[in-house]
Amino acid sequence: MQHNSVHLLAEKQTSACVRTFPMRFFLIFLSLFASVLPGCAQQVSPTTDEPTAVLQAALLGNWTGVLEYRDYSEPSTSTKRVQLPTWLTIKKAPEGIFFDYVYDDGPNKVVSEHHAVVIDLKQNTYKVMSTDAVAESYIVAGADKLKNGRGELILTGDGKDADKPAQIRTTWTIRRNLLSWLEEVRPAKSDAPFVFRHRYTFVRAETPTANAPE
């Protein structure tokens, strides 16, 4: 509202200047007027083709699919996996994007989860935020090969697996109507092969149309 008032005032003052001053005085006036309103002059809208914004736009929407994860009740050598029907909504946040999950964990048991995520492709970082701090932080590789925010990204960082320090690698696949990521782990400071931890696989909840943009 303050900016609207300033712009209306500027229009009135400009109109008066046009009626009373020669053009060269009018130009001087505009230069002086801009100098006393640096805040308005310096506000620039973010570019729509900025890589982070384009990626976030490709992720936004309602998704439905499956979470598949390793059954930690089994020995570490077990390949047994559990699958949960999962719904995901990704929406804009004041800073970054929100991931809101709903899991069907059995009869009469529905679990929800909320994450705030901040992606910065200029810094190649992906951060999961807690209430007042960074809960998880990853380095992003592959952003330069994305097209319209779609393609493959690899995130790497440190964390825990079964309460033990671990290296985490997550491979994201982003398509127009398909979104998936595979998370793999190995012990911290190890050269051992990465092993399966969990995988999310989603399709858009909305039915695609023939003329949908690429």
N, C-alpha and C. Protein backbone atom coordinates (compact mmCIF):
# COMPACT_ATOMS: atom_id res chain seq x y z
N MET A 1 0.82 -1.20 0.00
CA MET A 1 0.00 0.00 0.00
C MET A 1 0.86 1.24 0.00
N GLN A 2 1.94 1.24 0.71
CA GLN A 2 2.81 2.40 0.74
C GLN A 2 3.38 2.69 -0.63
N HIS A 3 3.74 1.64 -1.37
CA HIS A 3 4.29 1.86 -2.70
C HIS A 3 3.24 2.41 -3.63
N ASN A 4 1.97 1.95 -3.51
CA ASN A 4 0.92 2.49 -4.36
C ASN A 4 0.73 3.97 -4.11
N SER A 5 0.77 4.37 -2.85
CA SER A 5 0.62 5.78 -2.51
C SER A 5 1.76 6.59 -3.09
N VAL A 6 2.97 6.07 -3.01
CA VAL A 6 4.13 6.77 -3.56
C VAL A 6 3.99 6.94 -5.05
N HIS A 7 3.53 5.87 -5.75
CA HIS A 7 3.40 5.96 -7.19
C HIS A 7 2.32 6.96 -7.59
N LEU A 8 1.19 7.02 -6.84
CA LEU A 8 0.15 7.99 -7.14
C LEU A 8 0.65 9.41 -6.93
N LEU A 9 1.41 9.60 -5.85
CA LEU A 9 1.99 10.91 -5.59
C LEU A 9 2.94 11.29 -6.71
N ALA A 10 3.75 10.33 -7.16
CA ALA A 10 4.69 10.61 -8.24
C ALA A 10 3.98 11.00 -9.51
N GLU A 11 2.83 10.33 -9.80
CA GLU A 11 2.09 10.66 -11.01
C GLU A 11 1.55 12.09 -10.96
N LYS A 12 1.03 12.50 -9.79
CA LYS A 12 0.51 13.86 -9.65
C LYS A 12 1.61 14.88 -9.80
N GLN A 13 2.76 14.63 -9.15
CA GLN A 13 3.87 15.57 -9.22
C GLN A 13 4.43 15.64 -10.63
N THR A 14 4.51 14.48 -11.30
CA THR A 14 5.02 14.46 -12.67
C THR A 14 4.11 15.25 -13.59
N SER A 15 2.78 15.08 -13.45
CA SER A 15 1.84 15.82 -14.27
C SER A 15 2.01 17.31 -14.09
N ALA A 16 2.20 17.76 -12.85
CA ALA A 16 2.39 19.18 -12.57
C ALA A 16 3.67 19.67 -13.21
N CYS A 17 4.73 18.86 -13.16
CA CYS A 17 6.01 19.26 -13.75
C CYS A 17 5.87 19.45 -15.25
N VAL A 18 5.11 18.56 -15.90
CA VAL A 18 4.96 18.65 -17.35
C VAL A 18 4.28 19.95 -17.74
N ARG A 19 3.33 20.40 -16.90
CA ARG A 19 2.61 21.62 -17.23
C ARG A 19 3.42 22.86 -16.97
N THR A 20 4.37 22.83 -16.01
CA THR A 20 5.00 24.07 -15.58
C THR A 20 6.46 24.20 -15.93
N PHE A 21 7.16 23.10 -16.21
CA PHE A 21 8.59 23.16 -16.45
C PHE A 21 8.91 22.81 -17.90
N PRO A 22 9.92 23.40 -18.46
CA PRO A 22 10.45 22.91 -19.74
C PRO A 22 10.99 21.51 -19.55
N MET A 23 11.20 20.80 -20.63
CA MET A 23 11.58 19.39 -20.57
C MET A 23 12.87 19.18 -19.81
N ARG A 24 13.89 20.03 -19.98
CA ARG A 24 15.16 19.79 -19.31
C ARG A 24 15.03 19.89 -17.80
N PHE A 25 14.16 20.80 -17.31
CA PHE A 25 13.93 20.88 -15.87
C PHE A 25 13.15 19.66 -15.37
N PHE A 26 12.24 19.20 -16.23
CA PHE A 26 11.46 18.01 -15.88
C PHE A 26 12.38 16.79 -15.70
N LEU A 27 13.36 16.62 -16.58
CA LEU A 27 14.29 15.51 -16.47
C LEU A 27 15.15 15.59 -15.22
N ILE A 28 15.58 16.83 -14.89
CA ILE A 28 16.34 17.03 -13.66
C ILE A 28 15.51 16.64 -12.44
N PHE A 29 14.23 17.03 -12.48
CA PHE A 29 13.33 16.72 -11.38
C PHE A 29 13.19 15.20 -11.20
N LEU A 30 13.01 14.49 -12.33
CA LEU A 30 12.86 13.04 -12.23
C LEU A 30 14.10 12.39 -11.64
N SER A 31 15.28 12.89 -12.01
CA SER A 31 16.52 12.35 -11.47
C SER A 31 16.60 12.55 -9.97
N LEU A 32 16.24 13.73 -9.50
CA LEU A 32 16.26 14.01 -8.06
C LEU A 32 15.21 13.19 -7.33
N PHE A 33 14.04 13.03 -7.96
CA PHE A 33 12.95 12.29 -7.33
C PHE A 33 13.35 10.82 -7.13
N ALA A 34 14.01 10.23 -8.13
CA ALA A 34 14.45 8.84 -8.02
C ALA A 34 15.47 8.67 -6.92
N SER A 35 16.31 9.70 -6.71
CA SER A 35 17.36 9.58 -5.70
C SER A 35 16.82 9.58 -4.29
N VAL A 36 15.63 10.14 -4.07
CA VAL A 36 15.07 10.17 -2.72
C VAL A 36 14.20 8.94 -2.45
N LEU A 37 14.02 8.09 -3.45
CA LEU A 37 13.26 6.86 -3.25
C LEU A 37 14.09 5.65 -3.68
N PRO A 38 15.26 5.45 -3.05
CA PRO A 38 16.12 4.34 -3.48
C PRO A 38 15.50 2.98 -3.29
N GLY A 39 14.66 2.84 -2.25
CA GLY A 39 14.06 1.54 -1.99
C GLY A 39 13.21 1.08 -3.15
N CYS A 40 12.37 2.00 -3.68
CA CYS A 40 11.51 1.63 -4.80
C CYS A 40 12.32 1.41 -6.06
N ALA A 41 13.34 2.23 -6.26
CA ALA A 41 14.13 2.13 -7.49
C ALA A 41 14.94 0.85 -7.54
N GLN A 42 15.31 0.30 -6.36
CA GLN A 42 16.20 -0.84 -6.35
C GLN A 42 15.47 -2.17 -6.29
N GLN A 43 14.14 -2.16 -6.12
CA GLN A 43 13.43 -3.42 -6.02
C GLN A 43 13.29 -4.03 -7.41
N VAL A 44 13.81 -5.24 -7.57
CA VAL A 44 13.78 -5.92 -8.85
C VAL A 44 13.14 -7.29 -8.66
N SER A 45 12.17 -7.61 -9.50
CA SER A 45 11.53 -8.92 -9.40
C SER A 45 12.51 -10.00 -9.86
N PRO A 46 12.49 -11.18 -9.22
CA PRO A 46 13.39 -12.25 -9.65
C PRO A 46 13.08 -12.67 -11.07
N THR A 47 14.09 -13.05 -11.83
CA THR A 47 13.89 -13.48 -13.20
C THR A 47 13.20 -14.84 -13.22
N THR A 48 12.30 -15.02 -14.18
CA THR A 48 11.52 -16.25 -14.22
C THR A 48 12.35 -17.42 -14.71
N ASP A 49 13.49 -17.16 -15.36
CA ASP A 49 14.29 -18.27 -15.87
C ASP A 49 15.46 -18.59 -14.95
N GLU A 50 15.45 -18.05 -13.73
CA GLU A 50 16.50 -18.36 -12.77
C GLU A 50 16.43 -19.85 -12.44
N PRO A 51 17.56 -20.57 -12.52
CA PRO A 51 17.51 -22.03 -12.43
C PRO A 51 16.78 -22.58 -11.20
N THR A 52 16.98 -21.99 -10.04
CA THR A 52 16.31 -22.49 -8.84
C THR A 52 14.80 -22.37 -8.96
N ALA A 53 14.34 -21.21 -9.45
CA ALA A 53 12.90 -20.98 -9.60
C ALA A 53 12.30 -21.94 -10.62
N VAL A 54 13.02 -22.22 -11.69
CA VAL A 54 12.54 -23.13 -12.73
C VAL A 54 12.42 -24.55 -12.16
N LEU A 55 13.43 -24.98 -11.40
CA LEU A 55 13.37 -26.30 -10.78
C LEU A 55 12.20 -26.40 -9.81
N GLN A 56 12.04 -25.39 -8.97
CA GLN A 56 10.94 -25.42 -8.01
C GLN A 56 9.60 -25.48 -8.72
N ALA A 57 9.46 -24.73 -9.82
CA ALA A 57 8.21 -24.76 -10.57
C ALA A 57 7.92 -26.15 -11.13
N ALA A 58 8.99 -26.87 -11.52
CA ALA A 58 8.81 -28.23 -12.04
C ALA A 58 8.38 -29.21 -10.95
N LEU A 59 8.69 -28.88 -9.70
CA LEU A 59 8.35 -29.78 -8.59
C LEU A 59 6.97 -29.51 -8.01
N LEU A 60 6.47 -28.30 -8.14
CA LEU A 60 5.21 -27.92 -7.50
C LEU A 60 4.05 -28.78 -7.98
N GLY A 61 3.12 -29.04 -7.05
CA GLY A 61 1.91 -29.75 -7.43
C GLY A 61 1.57 -30.88 -6.48
N ASN A 62 0.54 -31.64 -6.86
CA ASN A 62 0.07 -32.77 -6.07
C ASN A 62 0.54 -34.07 -6.73
N TRP A 63 1.16 -34.93 -5.92
CA TRP A 63 1.73 -36.17 -6.42
C TRP A 63 1.19 -37.35 -5.61
N THR A 64 1.11 -38.49 -6.25
CA THR A 64 0.68 -39.70 -5.55
C THR A 64 1.57 -40.87 -5.97
N GLY A 65 1.90 -41.74 -5.01
CA GLY A 65 2.80 -42.83 -5.35
C GLY A 65 3.09 -43.73 -4.18
N VAL A 66 4.35 -44.17 -4.09
CA VAL A 66 4.74 -45.20 -3.12
C VAL A 66 6.08 -44.85 -2.50
N LEU A 67 6.18 -45.05 -1.20
CA LEU A 67 7.46 -45.05 -0.51
C LEU A 67 7.87 -46.51 -0.30
N GLU A 68 9.03 -46.88 -0.77
CA GLU A 68 9.58 -48.21 -0.57
C GLU A 68 10.84 -48.08 0.28
N TYR A 69 10.91 -48.79 1.39
CA TYR A 69 12.07 -48.65 2.26
C TYR A 69 12.54 -50.00 2.79
N ARG A 70 13.81 -50.00 3.18
CA ARG A 70 14.41 -51.21 3.73
C ARG A 70 13.79 -51.53 5.09
N ASP A 71 13.51 -52.79 5.32
CA ASP A 71 12.91 -53.21 6.59
C ASP A 71 14.02 -53.33 7.63
N TYR A 72 14.07 -52.32 8.54
CA TYR A 72 15.15 -52.29 9.53
C TYR A 72 14.94 -53.30 10.66
N SER A 73 13.78 -53.97 10.65
CA SER A 73 13.60 -55.01 11.66
C SER A 73 14.30 -56.31 11.25
N GLU A 74 14.75 -56.36 9.99
CA GLU A 74 15.46 -57.52 9.47
C GLU A 74 16.98 -57.31 9.62
N PRO A 75 17.78 -58.38 9.51
CA PRO A 75 19.24 -58.21 9.53
C PRO A 75 19.70 -57.27 8.41
N SER A 76 20.86 -56.66 8.61
CA SER A 76 21.36 -55.67 7.65
C SER A 76 21.58 -56.27 6.27
N THR A 77 21.75 -57.58 6.20
CA THR A 77 21.96 -58.24 4.91
C THR A 77 20.65 -58.56 4.19
N SER A 78 19.52 -58.32 4.86
CA SER A 78 18.22 -58.64 4.27
C SER A 78 17.87 -57.67 3.14
N THR A 79 17.19 -58.20 2.14
CA THR A 79 16.72 -57.36 1.04
C THR A 79 15.20 -57.11 1.13
N LYS A 80 14.62 -57.47 2.27
CA LYS A 80 13.17 -57.28 2.44
C LYS A 80 12.85 -55.78 2.47
N ARG A 81 11.78 -55.40 1.77
CA ARG A 81 11.38 -53.99 1.70
C ARG A 81 9.90 -53.84 2.01
N VAL A 82 9.56 -52.67 2.49
CA VAL A 82 8.19 -52.34 2.84
C VAL A 82 7.71 -51.23 1.91
N GLN A 83 6.46 -51.29 1.49
CA GLN A 83 5.89 -50.27 0.62
C GLN A 83 4.70 -49.60 1.30
N LEU A 84 4.66 -48.28 1.21
CA LEU A 84 3.56 -47.50 1.76
C LEU A 84 2.97 -46.60 0.68
N PRO A 85 1.65 -46.66 0.46
CA PRO A 85 1.03 -45.66 -0.42
C PRO A 85 1.28 -44.26 0.15
N THR A 86 1.65 -43.33 -0.71
CA THR A 86 2.07 -42.01 -0.25
C THR A 86 1.50 -40.92 -1.14
N TRP A 87 1.08 -39.83 -0.50
CA TRP A 87 0.62 -38.65 -1.22
C TRP A 87 1.54 -37.49 -0.83
N LEU A 88 1.88 -36.69 -1.81
CA LEU A 88 2.82 -35.59 -1.59
C LEU A 88 2.29 -34.33 -2.25
N THR A 89 2.31 -33.24 -1.49
CA THR A 89 2.00 -31.92 -2.04
C THR A 89 3.22 -31.04 -1.88
N ILE A 90 3.68 -30.47 -2.98
CA ILE A 90 4.82 -29.55 -2.96
C ILE A 90 4.30 -28.17 -3.32
N LYS A 91 4.52 -27.21 -2.44
CA LYS A 91 4.00 -25.86 -2.67
C LYS A 91 5.03 -24.82 -2.25
N LYS A 92 4.81 -23.61 -2.73
CA LYS A 92 5.73 -22.53 -2.43
C LYS A 92 5.72 -22.20 -0.95
N ALA A 93 6.88 -21.84 -0.43
CA ALA A 93 7.03 -21.39 0.95
C ALA A 93 7.58 -19.97 0.93
N PRO A 94 7.52 -19.26 2.07
CA PRO A 94 8.13 -17.91 2.10
C PRO A 94 9.58 -17.94 1.64
N GLU A 95 10.29 -18.99 1.98
CA GLU A 95 11.65 -19.20 1.48
C GLU A 95 11.78 -20.66 1.08
N GLY A 96 11.88 -20.93 -0.22
CA GLY A 96 11.97 -22.30 -0.69
C GLY A 96 10.61 -22.90 -0.96
N ILE A 97 10.46 -24.20 -0.64
CA ILE A 97 9.22 -24.92 -0.90
C ILE A 97 8.90 -25.84 0.28
N PHE A 98 7.61 -26.17 0.41
CA PHE A 98 7.16 -27.11 1.43
C PHE A 98 6.88 -28.47 0.79
N PHE A 99 7.30 -29.54 1.49
CA PHE A 99 6.94 -30.90 1.13
C PHE A 99 5.99 -31.42 2.21
N ASP A 100 4.76 -31.72 1.84
CA ASP A 100 3.78 -32.26 2.79
C ASP A 100 3.41 -33.68 2.36
N TYR A 101 3.76 -34.64 3.22
CA TYR A 101 3.53 -36.05 2.93
C TYR A 101 2.36 -36.58 3.74
N VAL A 102 1.62 -37.53 3.16
CA VAL A 102 0.63 -38.33 3.89
C VAL A 102 0.89 -39.78 3.53
N TYR A 103 1.06 -40.64 4.57
CA TYR A 103 1.35 -42.06 4.37
C TYR A 103 0.18 -42.90 4.87
N ASP A 104 -0.19 -43.90 4.10
CA ASP A 104 -1.14 -44.91 4.54
C ASP A 104 -0.33 -46.05 5.16
N ASP A 105 -0.28 -46.07 6.49
CA ASP A 105 0.59 -47.02 7.20
C ASP A 105 -0.19 -48.18 7.78
N GLY A 106 -1.33 -48.50 7.15
CA GLY A 106 -2.12 -49.63 7.63
C GLY A 106 -3.51 -49.19 8.01
N PRO A 107 -4.38 -50.15 8.34
CA PRO A 107 -5.77 -49.81 8.71
C PRO A 107 -5.83 -48.80 9.85
N ASN A 108 -6.57 -47.73 9.61
CA ASN A 108 -6.78 -46.70 10.64
C ASN A 108 -5.49 -46.04 11.11
N LYS A 109 -4.46 -46.05 10.26
CA LYS A 109 -3.20 -45.43 10.64
C LYS A 109 -2.67 -44.59 9.49
N VAL A 110 -2.90 -43.30 9.59
CA VAL A 110 -2.43 -42.35 8.58
C VAL A 110 -1.40 -41.44 9.23
N VAL A 111 -0.26 -41.32 8.60
CA VAL A 111 0.85 -40.53 9.14
C VAL A 111 1.14 -39.36 8.21
N SER A 112 1.33 -38.18 8.77
CA SER A 112 1.67 -37.00 7.96
C SER A 112 3.05 -36.50 8.35
N GLU A 113 3.69 -35.83 7.40
CA GLU A 113 5.04 -35.31 7.61
C GLU A 113 5.19 -34.02 6.82
N HIS A 114 5.89 -33.07 7.42
CA HIS A 114 6.05 -31.75 6.79
C HIS A 114 7.52 -31.37 6.78
N HIS A 115 8.03 -30.97 5.60
CA HIS A 115 9.40 -30.52 5.48
C HIS A 115 9.44 -29.17 4.77
N ALA A 116 10.31 -28.29 5.25
CA ALA A 116 10.63 -27.05 4.53
C ALA A 116 11.98 -27.25 3.87
N VAL A 117 12.04 -27.02 2.57
CA VAL A 117 13.25 -27.27 1.79
C VAL A 117 13.70 -25.99 1.11
N VAL A 118 14.99 -25.70 1.20
CA VAL A 118 15.57 -24.53 0.51
C VAL A 118 16.61 -25.03 -0.47
N ILE A 119 16.36 -24.78 -1.76
CA ILE A 119 17.28 -25.18 -2.82
C ILE A 119 17.95 -23.93 -3.38
N ASP A 120 19.24 -24.00 -3.57
CA ASP A 120 20.00 -22.89 -4.17
C ASP A 120 20.95 -23.48 -5.20
N LEU A 121 20.55 -23.41 -6.47
CA LEU A 121 21.38 -24.02 -7.51
C LEU A 121 22.60 -23.18 -7.84
N LYS A 122 22.60 -21.91 -7.46
CA LYS A 122 23.82 -21.11 -7.64
C LYS A 122 24.91 -21.58 -6.69
N GLN A 123 24.50 -21.98 -5.49
CA GLN A 123 25.44 -22.51 -4.51
C GLN A 123 25.49 -24.04 -4.53
N ASN A 124 24.64 -24.65 -5.36
CA ASN A 124 24.55 -26.11 -5.45
C ASN A 124 24.26 -26.75 -4.09
N THR A 125 23.27 -26.21 -3.39
CA THR A 125 22.91 -26.73 -2.08
C THR A 125 21.43 -27.07 -2.01
N TYR A 126 21.13 -28.07 -1.19
CA TYR A 126 19.76 -28.50 -0.91
C TYR A 126 19.69 -28.68 0.60
N LYS A 127 18.82 -27.91 1.26
CA LYS A 127 18.77 -27.93 2.72
C LYS A 127 17.35 -28.21 3.20
N VAL A 128 17.25 -29.13 4.15
CA VAL A 128 15.99 -29.39 4.84
C VAL A 128 16.04 -28.63 6.16
N MET A 129 15.06 -27.77 6.37
CA MET A 129 15.09 -26.86 7.51
C MET A 129 14.23 -27.40 8.66
N SER A 130 14.72 -27.19 9.88
CA SER A 130 13.90 -27.43 11.07
C SER A 130 13.32 -26.08 11.48
N THR A 131 12.83 -25.98 12.70
CA THR A 131 12.18 -24.74 13.12
C THR A 131 13.11 -23.54 13.03
N ASP A 132 14.35 -23.68 13.46
CA ASP A 132 15.24 -22.53 13.49
C ASP A 132 16.67 -22.85 13.02
N ALA A 133 16.84 -23.98 12.32
CA ALA A 133 18.19 -24.35 11.90
C ALA A 133 18.11 -25.30 10.71
N VAL A 134 19.27 -25.58 10.13
CA VAL A 134 19.35 -26.54 9.03
C VAL A 134 19.42 -27.94 9.61
N ALA A 135 18.46 -28.79 9.27
CA ALA A 135 18.43 -30.15 9.78
C ALA A 135 19.27 -31.09 8.92
N GLU A 136 19.24 -30.89 7.61
CA GLU A 136 20.02 -31.71 6.69
C GLU A 136 20.56 -30.80 5.59
N SER A 137 21.77 -31.09 5.12
CA SER A 137 22.38 -30.27 4.07
C SER A 137 23.09 -31.17 3.07
N TYR A 138 22.86 -30.90 1.78
CA TYR A 138 23.42 -31.73 0.73
C TYR A 138 24.03 -30.86 -0.37
N ILE A 139 25.02 -31.42 -1.05
CA ILE A 139 25.59 -30.80 -2.24
C ILE A 139 24.89 -31.36 -3.46
N VAL A 140 24.53 -30.46 -4.38
CA VAL A 140 23.76 -30.85 -5.58
C VAL A 140 24.69 -30.91 -6.79
N ALA A 141 24.60 -31.99 -7.54
CA ALA A 141 25.34 -32.13 -8.80
C ALA A 141 24.35 -32.40 -9.93
N GLY A 142 24.65 -31.88 -11.12
CA GLY A 142 23.82 -32.14 -12.29
C GLY A 142 22.87 -31.03 -12.66
N ALA A 143 22.85 -29.93 -11.88
CA ALA A 143 21.89 -28.86 -12.15
C ALA A 143 22.11 -28.22 -13.52
N ASP A 144 23.37 -28.18 -13.98
CA ASP A 144 23.67 -27.54 -15.26
C ASP A 144 23.11 -28.32 -16.44
N LYS A 145 22.67 -29.56 -16.22
CA LYS A 145 22.14 -30.36 -17.31
C LYS A 145 20.62 -30.42 -17.32
N LEU A 146 19.98 -29.76 -16.36
CA LEU A 146 18.52 -29.75 -16.33
C LEU A 146 17.97 -28.97 -17.53
N LYS A 147 16.81 -29.37 -18.00
CA LYS A 147 16.11 -28.67 -19.06
C LYS A 147 14.70 -28.38 -18.59
N ASN A 148 14.37 -27.11 -18.48
CA ASN A 148 13.06 -26.69 -17.95
C ASN A 148 12.83 -27.26 -16.55
N GLY A 149 13.93 -27.37 -15.78
CA GLY A 149 13.82 -27.87 -14.42
C GLY A 149 13.72 -29.38 -14.33
N ARG A 150 13.84 -30.08 -15.46
CA ARG A 150 13.68 -31.53 -15.47
C ARG A 150 14.98 -32.21 -15.86
N GLY A 151 15.16 -33.43 -15.35
CA GLY A 151 16.38 -34.17 -15.60
C GLY A 151 16.75 -34.98 -14.37
N GLU A 152 18.04 -35.09 -14.11
CA GLU A 152 18.52 -35.89 -12.98
C GLU A 152 19.47 -35.07 -12.13
N LEU A 153 19.29 -35.16 -10.82
CA LEU A 153 20.16 -34.52 -9.85
C LEU A 153 20.70 -35.57 -8.89
N ILE A 154 21.92 -35.35 -8.41
CA ILE A 154 22.49 -36.23 -7.39
C ILE A 154 22.86 -35.37 -6.18
N LEU A 155 22.31 -35.72 -5.03
CA LEU A 155 22.56 -35.02 -3.78
C LEU A 155 23.45 -35.89 -2.90
N THR A 156 24.47 -35.30 -2.32
CA THR A 156 25.34 -36.04 -1.41
C THR A 156 25.55 -35.24 -0.13
N GLY A 157 25.64 -35.96 0.98
CA GLY A 157 25.86 -35.29 2.26
C GLY A 157 26.06 -36.30 3.36
N ASP A 158 26.25 -35.78 4.57
CA ASP A 158 26.47 -36.63 5.75
C ASP A 158 25.19 -36.69 6.57
N GLY A 159 24.97 -37.83 7.19
CA GLY A 159 23.80 -38.00 8.03
C GLY A 159 23.96 -39.23 8.90
N LYS A 160 22.84 -39.88 9.19
CA LYS A 160 22.87 -41.10 10.00
C LYS A 160 22.00 -42.17 9.37
N ASP A 161 22.42 -43.41 9.55
CA ASP A 161 21.63 -44.56 9.13
C ASP A 161 21.65 -45.56 10.27
N ALA A 162 20.46 -45.91 10.76
CA ALA A 162 20.35 -46.77 11.94
C ALA A 162 21.15 -46.20 13.11
N ASP A 163 21.07 -44.87 13.27
CA ASP A 163 21.72 -44.14 14.36
C ASP A 163 23.25 -44.17 14.29
N LYS A 164 23.79 -44.49 13.14
CA LYS A 164 25.24 -44.48 12.97
C LYS A 164 25.62 -43.48 11.89
N PRO A 165 26.76 -42.78 12.03
CA PRO A 165 27.18 -41.82 11.01
C PRO A 165 27.27 -42.48 9.64
N ALA A 166 26.78 -41.76 8.64
CA ALA A 166 26.72 -42.35 7.30
C ALA A 166 26.88 -41.28 6.24
N GLN A 167 27.30 -41.70 5.06
CA GLN A 167 27.25 -40.87 3.86
C GLN A 167 25.95 -41.19 3.14
N ILE A 168 25.31 -40.14 2.64
CA ILE A 168 24.00 -40.31 1.99
C ILE A 168 24.09 -39.80 0.56
N ARG A 169 23.57 -40.59 -0.35
CA ARG A 169 23.50 -40.18 -1.75
C ARG A 169 22.06 -40.36 -2.23
N THR A 170 21.50 -39.29 -2.78
CA THR A 170 20.12 -39.35 -3.28
C THR A 170 20.10 -38.97 -4.75
N THR A 171 19.51 -39.82 -5.56
CA THR A 171 19.41 -39.58 -7.00
C THR A 171 17.97 -39.21 -7.35
N TRP A 172 17.79 -37.97 -7.82
CA TRP A 172 16.47 -37.45 -8.18
C TRP A 172 16.25 -37.59 -9.67
N THR A 173 15.05 -38.01 -10.04
CA THR A 173 14.61 -38.01 -11.44
C THR A 173 13.34 -37.18 -11.54
N ILE A 174 13.39 -36.14 -12.35
CA ILE A 174 12.28 -35.19 -12.46
C ILE A 174 11.79 -35.17 -13.90
N ARG A 175 10.53 -35.55 -14.10
CA ARG A 175 9.91 -35.50 -15.42
C ARG A 175 8.63 -34.67 -15.33
N ARG A 176 7.99 -34.51 -16.47
CA ARG A 176 6.77 -33.68 -16.48
C ARG A 176 5.72 -34.24 -15.54
N ASN A 177 5.50 -35.57 -15.60
CA ASN A 177 4.47 -36.19 -14.76
C ASN A 177 5.02 -37.30 -13.88
N LEU A 178 6.35 -37.36 -13.74
CA LEU A 178 6.98 -38.40 -12.93
C LEU A 178 8.05 -37.77 -12.04
N LEU A 179 8.05 -38.16 -10.78
CA LEU A 179 9.04 -37.66 -9.82
C LEU A 179 9.47 -38.83 -8.95
N SER A 180 10.77 -39.05 -8.85
CA SER A 180 11.25 -40.13 -7.99
C SER A 180 12.61 -39.76 -7.43
N TRP A 181 12.93 -40.32 -6.28
CA TRP A 181 14.28 -40.21 -5.76
C TRP A 181 14.64 -41.47 -4.97
N LEU A 182 15.87 -41.89 -5.21
CA LEU A 182 16.44 -43.08 -4.58
C LEU A 182 17.49 -42.63 -3.58
N GLU A 183 17.35 -43.04 -2.33
CA GLU A 183 18.34 -42.70 -1.31
C GLU A 183 19.15 -43.94 -0.95
N GLU A 184 20.47 -43.78 -1.01
CA GLU A 184 21.40 -44.86 -0.69
C GLU A 184 22.38 -44.39 0.38
N VAL A 185 22.91 -45.32 1.15
CA VAL A 185 23.79 -44.97 2.26
C VAL A 185 24.99 -45.91 2.31
N ARG A 186 26.01 -45.43 3.01
CA ARG A 186 27.16 -46.26 3.36
C ARG A 186 27.78 -45.67 4.61
N PRO A 187 28.58 -46.45 5.35
CA PRO A 187 29.19 -45.91 6.58
C PRO A 187 30.03 -44.67 6.28
N ALA A 188 30.06 -43.75 7.25
CA ALA A 188 30.84 -42.52 7.11
C ALA A 188 32.31 -42.84 6.89
N LYS A 189 32.96 -42.01 6.06
CA LYS A 189 34.40 -42.14 5.77
C LYS A 189 34.72 -43.53 5.24
N SER A 190 33.86 -44.04 4.38
CA SER A 190 34.04 -45.39 3.84
C SER A 190 34.01 -45.34 2.33
N ASP A 191 34.71 -46.29 1.72
CA ASP A 191 34.66 -46.47 0.28
C ASP A 191 33.78 -47.65 -0.11
N ALA A 192 33.01 -48.13 0.83
CA ALA A 192 32.12 -49.25 0.56
C ALA A 192 31.04 -48.84 -0.44
N PRO A 193 30.48 -49.77 -1.17
CA PRO A 193 29.40 -49.43 -2.10
C PRO A 193 28.19 -48.87 -1.35
N PHE A 194 27.48 -47.95 -2.00
CA PHE A 194 26.23 -47.46 -1.43
C PHE A 194 25.18 -48.56 -1.51
N VAL A 195 24.32 -48.62 -0.48
CA VAL A 195 23.25 -49.62 -0.45
C VAL A 195 21.90 -48.92 -0.32
N PHE A 196 20.87 -49.62 -0.75
CA PHE A 196 19.51 -49.08 -0.78
C PHE A 196 19.03 -48.72 0.63
N ARG A 197 18.43 -47.54 0.73
CA ARG A 197 17.77 -47.15 1.99
C ARG A 197 16.27 -46.97 1.76
N HIS A 198 15.90 -46.11 0.81
CA HIS A 198 14.49 -45.99 0.44
C HIS A 198 14.36 -45.33 -0.93
N ARG A 199 13.15 -45.46 -1.49
CA ARG A 199 12.85 -44.86 -2.77
C ARG A 199 11.42 -44.32 -2.76
N TYR A 200 11.26 -43.08 -3.22
CA TYR A 200 9.94 -42.52 -3.47
C TYR A 200 9.70 -42.52 -4.98
N THR A 201 8.50 -42.93 -5.39
CA THR A 201 8.12 -42.88 -6.81
C THR A 201 6.72 -42.28 -6.90
N PHE A 202 6.60 -41.17 -7.65
CA PHE A 202 5.33 -40.46 -7.74
C PHE A 202 4.95 -40.19 -9.19
N VAL A 203 3.64 -40.08 -9.42
CA VAL A 203 3.11 -39.47 -10.63
C VAL A 203 2.20 -38.33 -10.20
N ARG A 204 1.97 -37.40 -11.10
CA ARG A 204 1.08 -36.29 -10.76
C ARG A 204 -0.33 -36.82 -10.52
N ALA A 205 -1.00 -36.23 -9.53
CA ALA A 205 -2.35 -36.67 -9.20
C ALA A 205 -3.35 -36.27 -10.28
N GLU A 206 -3.07 -35.17 -10.99
CA GLU A 206 -3.98 -34.70 -12.03
C GLU A 206 -3.77 -35.50 -13.31
N THR A 207 -4.87 -35.80 -13.99
CA THR A 207 -4.79 -36.50 -15.28
C THR A 207 -4.14 -35.57 -16.31
N PRO A 208 -3.11 -36.04 -17.05
CA PRO A 208 -2.48 -35.16 -18.05
C PRO A 208 -3.40 -34.89 -19.23
N THR A 209 -3.16 -33.77 -19.90
CA THR A 209 -3.92 -33.41 -21.09
C THR A 209 -3.00 -33.44 -22.30
N ALA A 210 -3.60 -33.60 -23.47
CA ALA A 210 -2.80 -33.74 -24.68
C ALA A 210 -2.01 -32.48 -25.01
N ASN A 211 -2.53 -31.31 -24.64
CA ASN A 211 -1.86 -30.06 -24.97
C ASN A 211 -1.06 -29.47 -23.80
N ALA A 212 -0.71 -30.31 -22.81
CA ALA A 212 0.07 -29.83 -21.67
C ALA A 212 1.43 -29.37 -22.13
N PRO A 213 1.97 -28.27 -21.55
CA PRO A 213 3.30 -27.78 -21.94
C PRO A 213 4.39 -28.77 -21.59
N GLU A 214 5.44 -28.79 -22.40
CA GLU A 214 6.58 -29.67 -22.12
C GLU A 214 7.38 -29.15 -20.93
